[in-house]
Amino acid sequence: MEDLCKKIGFTVEQVRVLLTGKALNFSGSLYSEEYRRKFNVVNAEIKIFSDSTKPNQLFCI
């Protein structure tokens, strides 16, 4: 998850916040490997969490 966050465009400090389970308010540009382009984000709340129905996966909203 750490490598993915860095590829998307988060700084090391932002990744640390996300990996602690805290929400991060973010405005800026994020890269999508799926669409191979950058997207502009304004005042988005980003958080990494797990889902009890899928215990081996982490999700980012």
Protein backbone atom coordinates (compact mmCIF):
# COMPACT_ATOMS: atom_id res chain seq x y z
CA MET A 1 0.00 0.00 0.00
CA GLU A 2 2.90 2.33 0.75
CA ASP A 3 4.35 1.95 -2.76
CA LEU A 4 0.93 2.49 -4.35
CA CYS A 5 0.39 5.68 -2.35
CA LYS A 6 3.76 7.00 -3.51
CA LYS A 7 3.02 6.15 -7.18
CA ILE A 8 -0.33 7.92 -6.92
CA GLY A 9 1.42 11.08 -5.82
CA PHE A 10 1.33 11.32 -2.04
CA THR A 11 4.39 12.57 -0.18
CA VAL A 12 6.19 10.45 2.42
CA GLU A 13 4.54 12.45 5.22
CA GLN A 14 1.08 11.96 3.70
CA VAL A 15 1.68 8.22 3.32
CA ARG A 16 2.64 8.02 7.01
CA VAL A 17 -0.65 9.66 7.97
CA LEU A 18 -2.66 7.34 5.72
CA LEU A 19 -0.94 4.19 7.02
CA THR A 20 -1.86 5.10 10.60
CA GLY A 21 -5.55 4.95 9.62
CA LYS A 22 -6.14 8.68 9.91
CA ALA A 23 -8.00 10.65 7.25
CA LEU A 24 -6.03 13.05 5.07
CA ASN A 25 -7.52 16.16 3.50
CA PHE A 26 -5.95 16.52 0.08
CA SER A 27 -6.00 18.96 -2.81
CA GLY A 28 -3.73 18.46 -5.78
CA SER A 29 -2.99 16.06 -8.59
CA LEU A 30 -3.15 12.26 -8.26
CA TYR A 31 -2.00 9.72 -10.86
CA SER A 32 -4.12 6.72 -11.88
CA GLU A 33 -2.19 3.75 -13.30
CA GLU A 34 -5.50 2.29 -14.46
CA TYR A 35 -6.32 5.31 -16.64
CA ARG A 36 -2.68 6.36 -17.14
CA ARG A 37 -3.41 10.00 -16.40
CA LYS A 38 -3.50 12.54 -13.61
CA PHE A 39 -6.67 13.78 -11.97
CA ASN A 40 -7.08 17.05 -10.10
CA VAL A 41 -8.58 16.67 -6.65
CA VAL A 42 -9.97 19.50 -4.55
CA ASN A 43 -10.48 19.11 -0.79
CA ALA A 44 -10.90 15.32 -0.85
CA GLU A 45 -10.83 13.24 2.31
CA ILE A 46 -8.58 10.20 1.75
CA LYS A 47 -8.48 7.25 4.14
CA ILE A 48 -7.15 3.69 3.97
CA PHE A 49 -9.24 1.05 5.73
CA SER A 50 -9.95 -2.66 5.81
CA ASP A 51 -13.27 -4.39 5.25
CA SER A 52 -14.17 -7.30 7.52
CA THR A 53 -15.75 -9.16 4.58
CA LYS A 54 -12.42 -9.01 2.68
CA PRO A 55 -9.74 -9.34 5.38
CA ASN A 56 -6.74 -9.51 3.02
CA GLN A 57 -7.51 -6.26 1.17
CA LEU A 58 -7.12 -2.58 2.01
CA PHE A 59 -9.32 0.10 0.49
CA CYS A 60 -8.83 3.79 -0.07
CA ILE A 61 -11.71 6.24 -0.19
